[in-house]
All heavy atoms as atom14 arrays in JSON, in Angstrom:
{
  "sequence": "YNINFGDNVCRRNAILSEAQERFFAEELVAH",
  "atom14_mask": [
    [1, 1, 1, 1, 1, 1, 1, 1, 1, 1, 1, 1, 0, 0],
    [1, 1, 1, 1, 1, 1, 1, 1, 0, 0, 0, 0, 0, 0],
    [1, 1, 1, 1, 1, 1, 1, 1, 0, 0, 0, 0, 0, 0],
    [1, 1, 1, 1, 1, 1, 1, 1, 0, 0, 0, 0, 0, 0],
    [1, 1, 1, 1, 1, 1, 1, 1, 1, 1, 1, 0, 0, 0],
    [1, 1, 1, 1, 0, 0, 0, 0, 0, 0, 0, 0, 0, 0],
    [1, 1, 1, 1, 1, 1, 1, 1, 0, 0, 0, 0, 0, 0],
    [1, 1, 1, 1, 1, 1, 1, 1, 0, 0, 0, 0, 0, 0],
    [1, 1, 1, 1, 1, 1, 1, 0, 0, 0, 0, 0, 0, 0],
    [1, 1, 1, 1, 1, 1, 0, 0, 0, 0, 0, 0, 0, 0],
    [1, 1, 1, 1, 1, 1, 1, 1, 1, 1, 1, 0, 0, 0],
    [1, 1, 1, 1, 1, 1, 1, 1, 1, 1, 1, 0, 0, 0],
    [1, 1, 1, 1, 1, 1, 1, 1, 0, 0, 0, 0, 0, 0],
    [1, 1, 1, 1, 1, 0, 0, 0, 0, 0, 0, 0, 0, 0],
    [1, 1, 1, 1, 1, 1, 1, 1, 0, 0, 0, 0, 0, 0],
    [1, 1, 1, 1, 1, 1, 1, 1, 0, 0, 0, 0, 0, 0],
    [1, 1, 1, 1, 1, 1, 0, 0, 0, 0, 0, 0, 0, 0],
    [1, 1, 1, 1, 1, 1, 1, 1, 1, 0, 0, 0, 0, 0],
    [1, 1, 1, 1, 1, 0, 0, 0, 0, 0, 0, 0, 0, 0],
    [1, 1, 1, 1, 1, 1, 1, 1, 1, 0, 0, 0, 0, 0],
    [1, 1, 1, 1, 1, 1, 1, 1, 1, 0, 0, 0, 0, 0],
    [1, 1, 1, 1, 1, 1, 1, 1, 1, 1, 1, 0, 0, 0],
    [1, 1, 1, 1, 1, 1, 1, 1, 1, 1, 1, 0, 0, 0],
    [1, 1, 1, 1, 1, 1, 1, 1, 1, 1, 1, 0, 0, 0],
    [1, 1, 1, 1, 1, 0, 0, 0, 0, 0, 0, 0, 0, 0],
    [1, 1, 1, 1, 1, 1, 1, 1, 1, 0, 0, 0, 0, 0],
    [1, 1, 1, 1, 1, 1, 1, 1, 1, 0, 0, 0, 0, 0],
    [1, 1, 1, 1, 1, 1, 1, 1, 0, 0, 0, 0, 0, 0],
    [1, 1, 1, 1, 1, 1, 1, 0, 0, 0, 0, 0, 0, 0],
    [1, 1, 1, 1, 1, 0, 0, 0, 0, 0, 0, 0, 0, 0],
    [1, 1, 1, 1, 1, 1, 1, 1, 1, 1, 0, 0, 0, 0]
  ],
  "atom14_positions": [
    [[-135.22, -230.35, 126.57], [-133.7, -230.09, 126.65], [-133.22, -229.62, 128.04], [-132.26, -229.02, 128.18], [-133.45, -228.97, 125.57], [-133.73, -229.51, 124.22], [-134.95, -229.21, 123.61], [-132.8, -230.24, 123.46], [-135.24, -229.67, 122.29], [-133.15, -230.74, 122.19], [-134.34, -230.44, 121.67], [-134.62, -230.96, 120.41], [0.0, 0.0, 0.0], [0.0, 0.0, 0.0]],
    [[-134.09, -229.89, 129.04], [-133.86, -229.56, 130.42], [-133.6, -228.01, 130.64], [-132.78, -227.62, 131.41], [-132.58, -230.39, 130.87], [-132.57, -230.47, 132.38], [-133.6, -230.46, 133.07], [-131.4, -230.54, 132.99], [0.0, 0.0, 0.0], [0.0, 0.0, 0.0], [0.0, 0.0, 0.0], [0.0, 0.0, 0.0], [0.0, 0.0, 0.0], [0.0, 0.0, 0.0]],
    [[-134.44, -227.24, 129.91], [-134.48, -225.81, 130.15], [-135.78, -225.45, 130.61], [-136.75, -225.84, 129.99], [-134.11, -225.08, 128.77], [-132.76, -225.6, 128.29], [-134.22, -223.61, 128.95], [-132.47, -225.06, 126.82], [0.0, 0.0, 0.0], [0.0, 0.0, 0.0], [0.0, 0.0, 0.0], [0.0, 0.0, 0.0], [0.0, 0.0, 0.0], [0.0, 0.0, 0.0]],
    [[-135.8, -224.64, 131.67], [-137.07, -224.19, 132.27], [-137.43, -222.83, 131.63], [-136.78, -221.87, 131.88], [-137.02, -224.08, 133.79], [-138.29, -223.77, 134.38], [-139.2, -223.03, 133.78], [-138.55, -224.21, 135.52], [0.0, 0.0, 0.0], [0.0, 0.0, 0.0], [0.0, 0.0, 0.0], [0.0, 0.0, 0.0], [0.0, 0.0, 0.0], [0.0, 0.0, 0.0]],
    [[-138.51, -222.83, 130.72], [-138.84, -221.63, 130.05], [-139.3, -220.45, 131.01], [-138.98, -219.18, 130.7], [-140.02, -221.93, 129.07], [-140.35, -220.81, 128.16], [-139.43, -220.08, 127.43], [-141.74, -220.4, 127.99], [-139.83, -219.1, 126.5], [-142.01, -219.37, 127.09], [-141.13, -218.73, 126.42], [0.0, 0.0, 0.0], [0.0, 0.0, 0.0], [0.0, 0.0, 0.0]],
    [[-139.77, -220.75, 132.14], [-140.22, -219.78, 133.12], [-139.17, -219.21, 133.95], [-139.38, -218.21, 134.65], [0.0, 0.0, 0.0], [0.0, 0.0, 0.0], [0.0, 0.0, 0.0], [0.0, 0.0, 0.0], [0.0, 0.0, 0.0], [0.0, 0.0, 0.0], [0.0, 0.0, 0.0], [0.0, 0.0, 0.0], [0.0, 0.0, 0.0], [0.0, 0.0, 0.0]],
    [[-137.89, -219.86, 133.88], [-136.91, -219.36, 134.85], [-136.35, -217.97, 134.46], [-136.03, -217.19, 135.38], [-135.7, -220.31, 134.77], [-135.84, -221.43, 135.8], [-136.82, -221.5, 136.56], [-134.99, -222.46, 135.74], [0.0, 0.0, 0.0], [0.0, 0.0, 0.0], [0.0, 0.0, 0.0], [0.0, 0.0, 0.0], [0.0, 0.0, 0.0], [0.0, 0.0, 0.0]],
    [[-136.36, -217.52, 133.23], [-135.93, -216.29, 132.84], [-137.07, -215.48, 132.29], [-137.43, -215.59, 131.14], [-134.76, -216.46, 131.75], [-134.15, -215.11, 131.41], [-134.73, -214.1, 131.48], [-132.87, -215.15, 131.14], [0.0, 0.0, 0.0], [0.0, 0.0, 0.0], [0.0, 0.0, 0.0], [0.0, 0.0, 0.0], [0.0, 0.0, 0.0], [0.0, 0.0, 0.0]],
    [[-137.63, -214.65, 133.18], [-138.95, -213.94, 132.87], [-138.68, -212.86, 131.72], [-139.49, -212.73, 130.78], [-139.43, -213.16, 134.04], [-140.63, -212.3, 133.69], [-139.86, -214.17, 135.15], [0.0, 0.0, 0.0], [0.0, 0.0, 0.0], [0.0, 0.0, 0.0], [0.0, 0.0, 0.0], [0.0, 0.0, 0.0], [0.0, 0.0, 0.0], [0.0, 0.0, 0.0]],
    [[-137.4, -212.26, 131.71], [-137.19, -211.34, 130.63], [-137.16, -212.03, 129.27], [-137.71, -211.5, 128.3], [-135.82, -210.63, 130.88], [-135.92, -209.47, 132.38], [0.0, 0.0, 0.0], [0.0, 0.0, 0.0], [0.0, 0.0, 0.0], [0.0, 0.0, 0.0], [0.0, 0.0, 0.0], [0.0, 0.0, 0.0], [0.0, 0.0, 0.0], [0.0, 0.0, 0.0]],
    [[-136.54, -213.15, 129.17], [-136.34, -213.9, 127.93], [-137.81, -214.39, 127.48], [-138.16, -214.26, 126.41], [-135.36, -215.02, 128.08], [-135.22, -215.82, 126.75], [-134.09, -216.83, 126.81], [-132.81, -216.12, 127.01], [-131.79, -216.57, 127.83], [-131.93, -217.64, 128.5], [-130.76, -215.8, 127.91], [0.0, 0.0, 0.0], [0.0, 0.0, 0.0], [0.0, 0.0, 0.0]],
    [[-138.5, -214.98, 128.5], [-139.84, -215.31, 128.16], [-140.71, -214.21, 127.61], [-141.39, -214.46, 126.65], [-140.43, -215.98, 129.46], [-141.88, -216.41, 129.25], [-142.48, -217.0, 130.64], [-143.83, -217.17, 130.55], [-144.72, -216.19, 130.75], [-144.25, -214.95, 131.14], [-145.94, -216.31, 130.61], [0.0, 0.0, 0.0], [0.0, 0.0, 0.0], [0.0, 0.0, 0.0]],
    [[-140.67, -213.14, 128.27], [-141.54, -211.97, 127.77], [-141.11, -211.59, 126.41], [-141.95, -211.24, 125.6], [-141.46, -210.82, 128.78], [-142.33, -211.07, 130.02], [-143.04, -212.13, 130.19], [-142.15, -210.2, 130.99], [0.0, 0.0, 0.0], [0.0, 0.0, 0.0], [0.0, 0.0, 0.0], [0.0, 0.0, 0.0], [0.0, 0.0, 0.0], [0.0, 0.0, 0.0]],
    [[-139.74, -211.53, 126.19], [-139.29, -211.15, 124.79], [-139.8, -212.09, 123.72], [-140.24, -211.69, 122.74], [-137.71, -211.09, 124.85], [0.0, 0.0, 0.0], [0.0, 0.0, 0.0], [0.0, 0.0, 0.0], [0.0, 0.0, 0.0], [0.0, 0.0, 0.0], [0.0, 0.0, 0.0], [0.0, 0.0, 0.0], [0.0, 0.0, 0.0], [0.0, 0.0, 0.0]],
    [[-139.75, -213.38, 124.04], [-140.26, -214.3, 123.07], [-141.79, -214.3, 122.82], [-142.28, -214.38, 121.7], [-139.74, -215.83, 123.48], [-138.35, -215.83, 123.33], [-140.49, -216.86, 122.58], [-137.68, -217.17, 123.84], [0.0, 0.0, 0.0], [0.0, 0.0, 0.0], [0.0, 0.0, 0.0], [0.0, 0.0, 0.0], [0.0, 0.0, 0.0], [0.0, 0.0, 0.0]],
    [[-142.52, -214.08, 123.93], [-143.94, -214.14, 123.87], [-144.51, -212.78, 123.36], [-145.64, -212.76, 122.9], [-144.48, -214.38, 125.27], [-144.38, -215.8, 125.86], [-145.0, -215.91, 127.22], [-144.94, -216.87, 124.86], [0.0, 0.0, 0.0], [0.0, 0.0, 0.0], [0.0, 0.0, 0.0], [0.0, 0.0, 0.0], [0.0, 0.0, 0.0], [0.0, 0.0, 0.0]],
    [[-143.72, -211.73, 123.5], [-144.26, -210.39, 123.04], [-144.61, -210.35, 121.57], [-145.62, -209.78, 121.13], [-143.24, -209.25, 123.4], [-142.15, -209.36, 122.69], [0.0, 0.0, 0.0], [0.0, 0.0, 0.0], [0.0, 0.0, 0.0], [0.0, 0.0, 0.0], [0.0, 0.0, 0.0], [0.0, 0.0, 0.0], [0.0, 0.0, 0.0], [0.0, 0.0, 0.0]],
    [[-143.78, -210.99, 120.7], [-144.04, -211.06, 119.29], [-145.36, -211.81, 119.06], [-146.24, -211.44, 118.15], [-142.91, -211.6, 118.46], [-143.17, -211.55, 116.99], [-142.12, -212.03, 116.04], [-141.04, -212.35, 116.56], [-142.31, -212.02, 114.8], [0.0, 0.0, 0.0], [0.0, 0.0, 0.0], [0.0, 0.0, 0.0], [0.0, 0.0, 0.0], [0.0, 0.0, 0.0]],
    [[-145.47, -212.91, 119.67], [-146.78, -213.69, 119.6], [-147.96, -212.85, 120.1], [-148.99, -212.94, 119.36], [-146.72, -214.99, 120.43], [0.0, 0.0, 0.0], [0.0, 0.0, 0.0], [0.0, 0.0, 0.0], [0.0, 0.0, 0.0], [0.0, 0.0, 0.0], [0.0, 0.0, 0.0], [0.0, 0.0, 0.0], [0.0, 0.0, 0.0], [0.0, 0.0, 0.0]],
    [[-147.83, -212.04, 121.09], [-148.86, -211.25, 121.55], [-149.32, -210.28, 120.55], [-150.61, -210.18, 120.16], [-148.49, -210.48, 122.8], [-149.56, -209.51, 123.32], [-148.96, -208.53, 124.39], [-147.77, -208.27, 124.33], [-149.83, -208.24, 125.36], [0.0, 0.0, 0.0], [0.0, 0.0, 0.0], [0.0, 0.0, 0.0], [0.0, 0.0, 0.0], [0.0, 0.0, 0.0]],
    [[-148.37, -209.53, 119.84], [-148.67, -208.64, 118.81], [-149.33, -209.35, 117.63], [-150.41, -208.87, 117.19], [-147.47, -207.93, 118.38], [-146.77, -207.11, 119.51], [-145.31, -206.84, 119.21], [-144.83, -207.04, 118.07], [-144.66, -206.33, 120.12], [0.0, 0.0, 0.0], [0.0, 0.0, 0.0], [0.0, 0.0, 0.0], [0.0, 0.0, 0.0], [0.0, 0.0, 0.0]],
    [[-148.78, -210.45, 117.18], [-149.41, -211.14, 116.0], [-150.74, -211.65, 116.34], [-151.62, -211.54, 115.47], [-148.35, -212.3, 115.64], [-148.86, -213.1, 114.49], [-147.85, -214.15, 114.05], [-146.59, -213.55, 113.8], [-146.1, -213.15, 112.7], [-146.84, -213.25, 111.57], [-144.88, -212.61, 112.59], [0.0, 0.0, 0.0], [0.0, 0.0, 0.0], [0.0, 0.0, 0.0]],
    [[-150.85, -212.35, 117.5], [-152.19, -213.0, 117.75], [-153.27, -211.99, 117.98], [-154.44, -212.18, 117.45], [-152.06, -213.91, 119.01], [-151.11, -215.11, 118.79], [-150.75, -215.74, 119.95], [-150.76, -215.54, 117.55], [-149.85, -216.88, 119.89], [-149.87, -216.63, 117.49], [-149.45, -217.19, 118.68], [0.0, 0.0, 0.0], [0.0, 0.0, 0.0], [0.0, 0.0, 0.0]],
    [[-152.99, -210.86, 118.52], [-154.04, -209.75, 118.78], [-154.4, -209.17, 117.34], [-155.57, -208.96, 117.02], [-153.52, -208.72, 119.7], [-154.04, -209.03, 121.11], [-153.21, -209.67, 121.9], [-155.16, -208.58, 121.64], [-153.62, -210.09, 123.3], [-155.64, -208.85, 122.86], [-154.82, -209.63, 123.7], [0.0, 0.0, 0.0], [0.0, 0.0, 0.0], [0.0, 0.0, 0.0]],
    [[-153.38, -208.93, 116.46], [-153.67, -208.41, 115.15], [-154.55, -209.39, 114.39], [-155.44, -208.97, 113.71], [-152.36, -208.15, 114.5], [0.0, 0.0, 0.0], [0.0, 0.0, 0.0], [0.0, 0.0, 0.0], [0.0, 0.0, 0.0], [0.0, 0.0, 0.0], [0.0, 0.0, 0.0], [0.0, 0.0, 0.0], [0.0, 0.0, 0.0], [0.0, 0.0, 0.0]],
    [[-154.14, -210.66, 114.42], [-154.86, -211.68, 113.68], [-156.33, -211.84, 114.14], [-157.26, -212.01, 113.37], [-154.15, -213.02, 113.71], [-152.88, -213.1, 112.98], [-152.07, -214.38, 113.18], [-152.46, -215.25, 113.99], [-151.05, -214.52, 112.46], [0.0, 0.0, 0.0], [0.0, 0.0, 0.0], [0.0, 0.0, 0.0], [0.0, 0.0, 0.0], [0.0, 0.0, 0.0]],
    [[-156.52, -211.65, 115.42], [-157.9, -211.69, 116.0], [-158.65, -210.4, 115.54], [-159.88, -210.55, 115.28], [-157.77, -211.76, 117.55], [-157.6, -213.13, 117.97], [-158.49, -214.28, 117.58], [-159.8, -214.05, 117.53], [-158.03, -215.38, 117.32], [0.0, 0.0, 0.0], [0.0, 0.0, 0.0], [0.0, 0.0, 0.0], [0.0, 0.0, 0.0], [0.0, 0.0, 0.0]],
    [[-158.0, -209.33, 115.49], [-158.69, -208.1, 115.07], [-159.19, -208.26, 113.61], [-160.2, -207.89, 113.21], [-157.81, -206.88, 115.1], [-157.58, -206.38, 116.66], [-156.42, -205.33, 116.64], [-158.79, -205.82, 117.23], [0.0, 0.0, 0.0], [0.0, 0.0, 0.0], [0.0, 0.0, 0.0], [0.0, 0.0, 0.0], [0.0, 0.0, 0.0], [0.0, 0.0, 0.0]],
    [[-158.25, -208.84, 112.76], [-158.67, -209.14, 111.39], [-159.75, -210.04, 111.24], [-160.8, -209.8, 110.58], [-157.32, -209.6, 110.62], [-157.78, -210.15, 109.28], [-156.37, -208.47, 110.45], [0.0, 0.0, 0.0], [0.0, 0.0, 0.0], [0.0, 0.0, 0.0], [0.0, 0.0, 0.0], [0.0, 0.0, 0.0], [0.0, 0.0, 0.0], [0.0, 0.0, 0.0]],
    [[-159.68, -211.12, 112.08], [-160.8, -212.09, 112.07], [-162.17, -211.49, 112.55], [-163.23, -212.09, 112.2], [-160.48, -213.23, 113.04], [0.0, 0.0, 0.0], [0.0, 0.0, 0.0], [0.0, 0.0, 0.0], [0.0, 0.0, 0.0], [0.0, 0.0, 0.0], [0.0, 0.0, 0.0], [0.0, 0.0, 0.0], [0.0, 0.0, 0.0], [0.0, 0.0, 0.0]],
    [[-162.2, -210.41, 113.19], [-163.3, -209.65, 113.6], [-163.52, -208.44, 112.76], [-164.33, -207.53, 113.16], [-163.24, -209.32, 115.08], [-163.45, -210.43, 116.1], [-162.44, -211.34, 116.26], [-164.53, -210.82, 116.69], [-162.93, -212.26, 117.14], [-164.13, -211.95, 117.32], [0.0, 0.0, 0.0], [0.0, 0.0, 0.0], [0.0, 0.0, 0.0], [0.0, 0.0, 0.0]]
  ]
}
């Protein structure tokens, strides 16, 4: 859609932060 995801670091971090929390929690459960 001609949008650069890396151009807005604050927006990128906000979107990725939920994934960070979820992925780390899921990995802890897997271990």
